[in-house]
């Protein structure tokens, strides 16, 4: 195991909006899950997302991540405060 606690944190960005809504994010996350389990023998993956980022929330939920917590007014984007939703997936 490469992580002391067996937990890996993931982050992802699809910057080109022409690729949004095509299932690419979900596909990539499913591949990351396989690699985390098989190669790195991790126990858990975690990901944080802004509460208004509905695309990322959908991607995580589609890949069986569960909402584990909320950090109130934790993220700033364009001078606006957003809650951070913390998701986890037991592997």
N, C-alpha and C. Protein backbone atom coordinates (compact mmCIF):
# COMPACT_ATOMS: atom_id res chain seq x y z
N UNK A 1 0.86 -1.18 0.00
CA UNK A 1 0.00 0.00 0.00
C UNK A 1 0.90 1.23 0.00
N UNK A 2 0.58 2.19 -0.83
CA UNK A 2 1.42 3.38 -0.94
C UNK A 2 0.97 4.52 -0.05
N UNK A 3 -0.20 4.44 0.54
CA UNK A 3 -0.70 5.48 1.42
C UNK A 3 -0.73 4.94 2.84
N UNK A 4 -0.23 5.71 3.79
CA UNK A 4 -0.17 5.27 5.18
C UNK A 4 -1.53 4.79 5.68
N UNK A 5 -2.58 5.52 5.33
CA UNK A 5 -3.92 5.18 5.79
C UNK A 5 -4.77 4.50 4.72
N UNK A 6 -4.21 4.30 3.54
CA UNK A 6 -4.94 3.64 2.47
C UNK A 6 -6.01 4.50 1.84
N UNK A 7 -5.85 5.83 1.94
CA UNK A 7 -6.83 6.77 1.40
C UNK A 7 -6.17 7.63 0.33
N UNK A 8 -6.85 7.79 -0.79
CA UNK A 8 -6.37 8.65 -1.86
C UNK A 8 -7.38 9.74 -2.15
N UNK A 9 -6.88 10.94 -2.37
CA UNK A 9 -7.76 12.06 -2.71
C UNK A 9 -7.64 12.34 -4.20
N UNK A 10 -8.79 12.47 -4.86
CA UNK A 10 -8.77 12.72 -6.30
C UNK A 10 -9.30 14.12 -6.59
N UNK A 11 -8.83 14.66 -7.71
CA UNK A 11 -9.32 15.93 -8.23
C UNK A 11 -9.27 15.84 -9.74
N UNK A 12 -10.17 16.52 -10.40
CA UNK A 12 -10.25 16.45 -11.85
C UNK A 12 -10.86 17.72 -12.40
N UNK A 13 -10.47 18.06 -13.62
CA UNK A 13 -11.01 19.24 -14.29
C UNK A 13 -11.14 18.91 -15.78
N UNK A 14 -12.28 19.20 -16.34
CA UNK A 14 -12.44 19.17 -17.79
C UNK A 14 -12.62 20.62 -18.20
N UNK A 15 -11.53 21.23 -18.63
CA UNK A 15 -11.53 22.66 -18.88
C UNK A 15 -12.25 23.08 -20.15
N UNK A 16 -12.25 22.25 -21.14
CA UNK A 16 -12.88 22.58 -22.42
C UNK A 16 -14.36 22.21 -22.36
N UNK A 17 -15.22 23.20 -22.33
CA UNK A 17 -16.66 22.98 -22.17
C UNK A 17 -17.29 22.16 -23.29
N UNK A 18 -16.63 22.06 -24.42
CA UNK A 18 -17.19 21.24 -25.50
C UNK A 18 -17.18 19.76 -25.14
N UNK A 19 -16.42 19.38 -24.12
CA UNK A 19 -16.36 17.99 -23.68
C UNK A 19 -17.27 17.71 -22.48
N UNK A 20 -17.93 18.72 -21.96
CA UNK A 20 -18.83 18.53 -20.81
C UNK A 20 -20.05 17.74 -21.25
N UNK A 21 -20.56 16.92 -20.35
CA UNK A 21 -21.80 16.19 -20.60
C UNK A 21 -21.67 15.03 -21.56
N UNK A 22 -20.46 14.59 -21.83
CA UNK A 22 -20.23 13.48 -22.77
C UNK A 22 -19.82 12.19 -22.07
N UNK A 23 -19.82 12.19 -20.73
CA UNK A 23 -19.47 10.98 -19.98
C UNK A 23 -17.98 10.77 -19.76
N UNK A 24 -17.16 11.73 -20.20
CA UNK A 24 -15.71 11.58 -20.08
C UNK A 24 -15.28 11.59 -18.61
N UNK A 25 -15.83 12.50 -17.82
CA UNK A 25 -15.47 12.58 -16.41
C UNK A 25 -15.81 11.30 -15.68
N UNK A 26 -16.97 10.76 -15.92
CA UNK A 26 -17.39 9.52 -15.27
C UNK A 26 -16.50 8.35 -15.67
N UNK A 27 -16.14 8.29 -16.94
CA UNK A 27 -15.26 7.24 -17.43
C UNK A 27 -13.89 7.32 -16.75
N UNK A 28 -13.35 8.53 -16.67
CA UNK A 28 -12.04 8.72 -16.06
C UNK A 28 -12.08 8.33 -14.58
N UNK A 29 -13.12 8.74 -13.87
CA UNK A 29 -13.24 8.39 -12.45
C UNK A 29 -13.35 6.88 -12.28
N UNK A 30 -14.08 6.21 -13.13
CA UNK A 30 -14.19 4.74 -13.03
C UNK A 30 -12.82 4.08 -13.24
N UNK A 31 -12.00 4.62 -14.12
CA UNK A 31 -10.64 4.09 -14.33
C UNK A 31 -9.76 4.37 -13.12
N UNK A 32 -9.89 5.55 -12.53
CA UNK A 32 -9.13 5.88 -11.33
C UNK A 32 -9.49 4.92 -10.20
N UNK A 33 -10.76 4.59 -10.06
CA UNK A 33 -11.20 3.66 -9.03
C UNK A 33 -10.52 2.30 -9.22
N UNK A 34 -10.50 1.79 -10.44
CA UNK A 34 -9.85 0.50 -10.71
C UNK A 34 -8.36 0.54 -10.36
N UNK A 35 -7.68 1.58 -10.76
CA UNK A 35 -6.24 1.70 -10.48
C UNK A 35 -6.01 1.81 -8.97
N UNK A 36 -6.83 2.59 -8.28
CA UNK A 36 -6.69 2.76 -6.84
C UNK A 36 -6.83 1.42 -6.12
N UNK A 37 -7.79 0.60 -6.57
CA UNK A 37 -8.02 -0.72 -5.97
C UNK A 37 -6.93 -1.71 -6.33
N UNK A 38 -6.70 -1.88 -7.62
CA UNK A 38 -5.84 -2.96 -8.10
C UNK A 38 -4.34 -2.67 -7.96
N UNK A 39 -3.93 -1.49 -8.36
CA UNK A 39 -2.49 -1.19 -8.33
C UNK A 39 -2.02 -0.69 -6.96
N UNK A 40 -2.81 0.23 -6.37
CA UNK A 40 -2.35 0.86 -5.14
C UNK A 40 -2.97 0.27 -3.88
N UNK A 41 -3.93 -0.64 -4.05
CA UNK A 41 -4.56 -1.33 -2.91
C UNK A 41 -5.11 -0.37 -1.86
N UNK A 42 -5.70 0.73 -2.31
CA UNK A 42 -6.27 1.71 -1.39
C UNK A 42 -7.59 1.20 -0.82
N UNK A 43 -7.93 1.72 0.34
CA UNK A 43 -9.18 1.36 1.01
C UNK A 43 -10.31 2.34 0.70
N UNK A 44 -9.92 3.57 0.33
CA UNK A 44 -10.92 4.61 0.18
C UNK A 44 -10.41 5.71 -0.74
N UNK A 45 -11.33 6.31 -1.49
CA UNK A 45 -11.04 7.52 -2.25
C UNK A 45 -11.93 8.64 -1.73
N UNK A 46 -11.40 9.85 -1.73
CA UNK A 46 -12.18 11.02 -1.32
C UNK A 46 -12.07 12.10 -2.39
N UNK A 47 -13.10 12.96 -2.43
CA UNK A 47 -13.11 14.07 -3.38
C UNK A 47 -13.96 15.18 -2.80
N UNK A 48 -13.51 16.42 -2.95
CA UNK A 48 -14.28 17.58 -2.54
C UNK A 48 -14.75 18.34 -3.76
N UNK A 49 -15.97 18.89 -3.67
CA UNK A 49 -16.54 19.59 -4.82
C UNK A 49 -17.40 20.75 -4.32
N UNK A 50 -17.42 21.83 -5.08
CA UNK A 50 -18.28 22.97 -4.74
C UNK A 50 -19.75 22.56 -4.87
N UNK A 51 -20.56 23.06 -3.95
CA UNK A 51 -21.97 22.65 -3.92
C UNK A 51 -22.75 23.05 -5.18
N UNK A 52 -22.27 23.98 -5.96
CA UNK A 52 -22.95 24.38 -7.20
C UNK A 52 -22.40 23.68 -8.44
N UNK A 53 -21.41 22.80 -8.26
CA UNK A 53 -20.81 22.09 -9.38
C UNK A 53 -21.60 20.80 -9.62
N UNK A 54 -22.77 20.95 -10.22
CA UNK A 54 -23.70 19.84 -10.38
C UNK A 54 -23.15 18.73 -11.27
N UNK A 55 -22.33 19.08 -12.25
CA UNK A 55 -21.73 18.07 -13.11
C UNK A 55 -20.81 17.14 -12.34
N UNK A 56 -19.96 17.71 -11.51
CA UNK A 56 -19.04 16.88 -10.72
C UNK A 56 -19.78 16.06 -9.67
N UNK A 57 -20.79 16.64 -9.08
CA UNK A 57 -21.60 15.90 -8.10
C UNK A 57 -22.21 14.68 -8.79
N UNK A 58 -22.75 14.87 -9.98
CA UNK A 58 -23.36 13.76 -10.72
C UNK A 58 -22.33 12.68 -11.07
N UNK A 59 -21.13 13.10 -11.47
CA UNK A 59 -20.05 12.16 -11.78
C UNK A 59 -19.71 11.30 -10.57
N UNK A 60 -19.55 11.95 -9.42
CA UNK A 60 -19.19 11.21 -8.21
C UNK A 60 -20.30 10.25 -7.80
N UNK A 61 -21.53 10.73 -7.81
CA UNK A 61 -22.65 9.87 -7.43
C UNK A 61 -22.82 8.70 -8.40
N UNK A 62 -22.62 8.93 -9.68
CA UNK A 62 -22.71 7.86 -10.67
C UNK A 62 -21.68 6.76 -10.40
N UNK A 63 -20.55 7.16 -9.81
CA UNK A 63 -19.49 6.22 -9.48
C UNK A 63 -19.55 5.74 -8.03
N UNK A 64 -20.72 5.90 -7.41
CA UNK A 64 -21.03 5.35 -6.08
C UNK A 64 -20.35 6.06 -4.91
N UNK A 65 -19.83 7.28 -5.14
CA UNK A 65 -19.32 8.07 -4.02
C UNK A 65 -20.51 8.54 -3.20
N UNK A 66 -20.32 8.60 -1.89
CA UNK A 66 -21.38 9.05 -0.98
C UNK A 66 -20.98 10.36 -0.32
N UNK A 67 -21.94 11.22 -0.11
CA UNK A 67 -21.70 12.48 0.60
C UNK A 67 -21.38 12.17 2.05
N UNK A 68 -20.23 12.64 2.53
CA UNK A 68 -19.80 12.37 3.90
C UNK A 68 -19.81 13.61 4.78
N UNK A 69 -19.79 14.79 4.17
CA UNK A 69 -19.76 15.99 4.99
C UNK A 69 -19.83 17.25 4.15
N UNK A 70 -20.04 18.36 4.84
CA UNK A 70 -20.13 19.67 4.19
C UNK A 70 -19.26 20.64 4.97
N UNK A 71 -18.42 21.37 4.26
CA UNK A 71 -17.63 22.45 4.86
C UNK A 71 -18.28 23.75 4.41
N UNK A 72 -18.88 24.46 5.33
CA UNK A 72 -19.64 25.68 5.03
C UNK A 72 -18.72 26.81 4.59
N UNK A 73 -19.11 27.48 3.51
CA UNK A 73 -18.40 28.65 2.99
C UNK A 73 -16.89 28.42 2.95
N UNK A 74 -16.51 27.30 2.37
CA UNK A 74 -15.11 26.85 2.38
C UNK A 74 -14.35 27.22 1.10
N UNK A 75 -15.06 27.40 0.00
CA UNK A 75 -14.43 27.67 -1.28
C UNK A 75 -14.80 29.05 -1.81
N UNK A 76 -13.85 29.70 -2.46
CA UNK A 76 -14.09 31.00 -3.07
C UNK A 76 -13.87 30.87 -4.57
N UNK A 77 -14.83 31.35 -5.34
CA UNK A 77 -14.71 31.37 -6.79
C UNK A 77 -15.38 32.64 -7.29
N UNK A 78 -14.61 33.44 -8.00
CA UNK A 78 -15.11 34.72 -8.52
C UNK A 78 -15.81 35.55 -7.45
N UNK A 79 -15.13 35.70 -6.34
CA UNK A 79 -15.60 36.50 -5.19
C UNK A 79 -16.88 35.99 -4.55
N UNK A 80 -17.24 34.74 -4.79
CA UNK A 80 -18.41 34.13 -4.15
C UNK A 80 -17.95 32.97 -3.27
N UNK A 81 -18.61 32.80 -2.14
CA UNK A 81 -18.32 31.68 -1.24
C UNK A 81 -19.24 30.51 -1.53
N UNK A 82 -18.66 29.32 -1.52
CA UNK A 82 -19.43 28.09 -1.75
C UNK A 82 -19.13 27.07 -0.67
N UNK A 83 -20.10 26.23 -0.40
CA UNK A 83 -19.87 25.11 0.48
C UNK A 83 -19.09 24.04 -0.28
N UNK A 84 -18.23 23.34 0.44
CA UNK A 84 -17.53 22.20 -0.15
C UNK A 84 -18.23 20.94 0.30
N UNK A 85 -18.62 20.11 -0.65
CA UNK A 85 -19.22 18.82 -0.36
C UNK A 85 -18.11 17.78 -0.40
N UNK A 86 -17.96 17.03 0.68
CA UNK A 86 -16.92 16.01 0.77
C UNK A 86 -17.53 14.64 0.52
N UNK A 87 -17.06 13.98 -0.54
CA UNK A 87 -17.55 12.66 -0.93
C UNK A 87 -16.49 11.61 -0.63
N UNK A 88 -16.93 10.39 -0.37
CA UNK A 88 -16.02 9.29 -0.15
C UNK A 88 -16.54 8.02 -0.80
N UNK A 89 -15.62 7.14 -1.13
CA UNK A 89 -15.95 5.84 -1.71
C UNK A 89 -15.09 4.78 -1.05
N UNK A 90 -15.72 3.86 -0.34
CA UNK A 90 -14.99 2.72 0.21
C UNK A 90 -14.73 1.73 -0.91
N UNK A 91 -13.49 1.28 -1.01
CA UNK A 91 -13.11 0.38 -2.09
C UNK A 91 -13.12 -1.07 -1.64
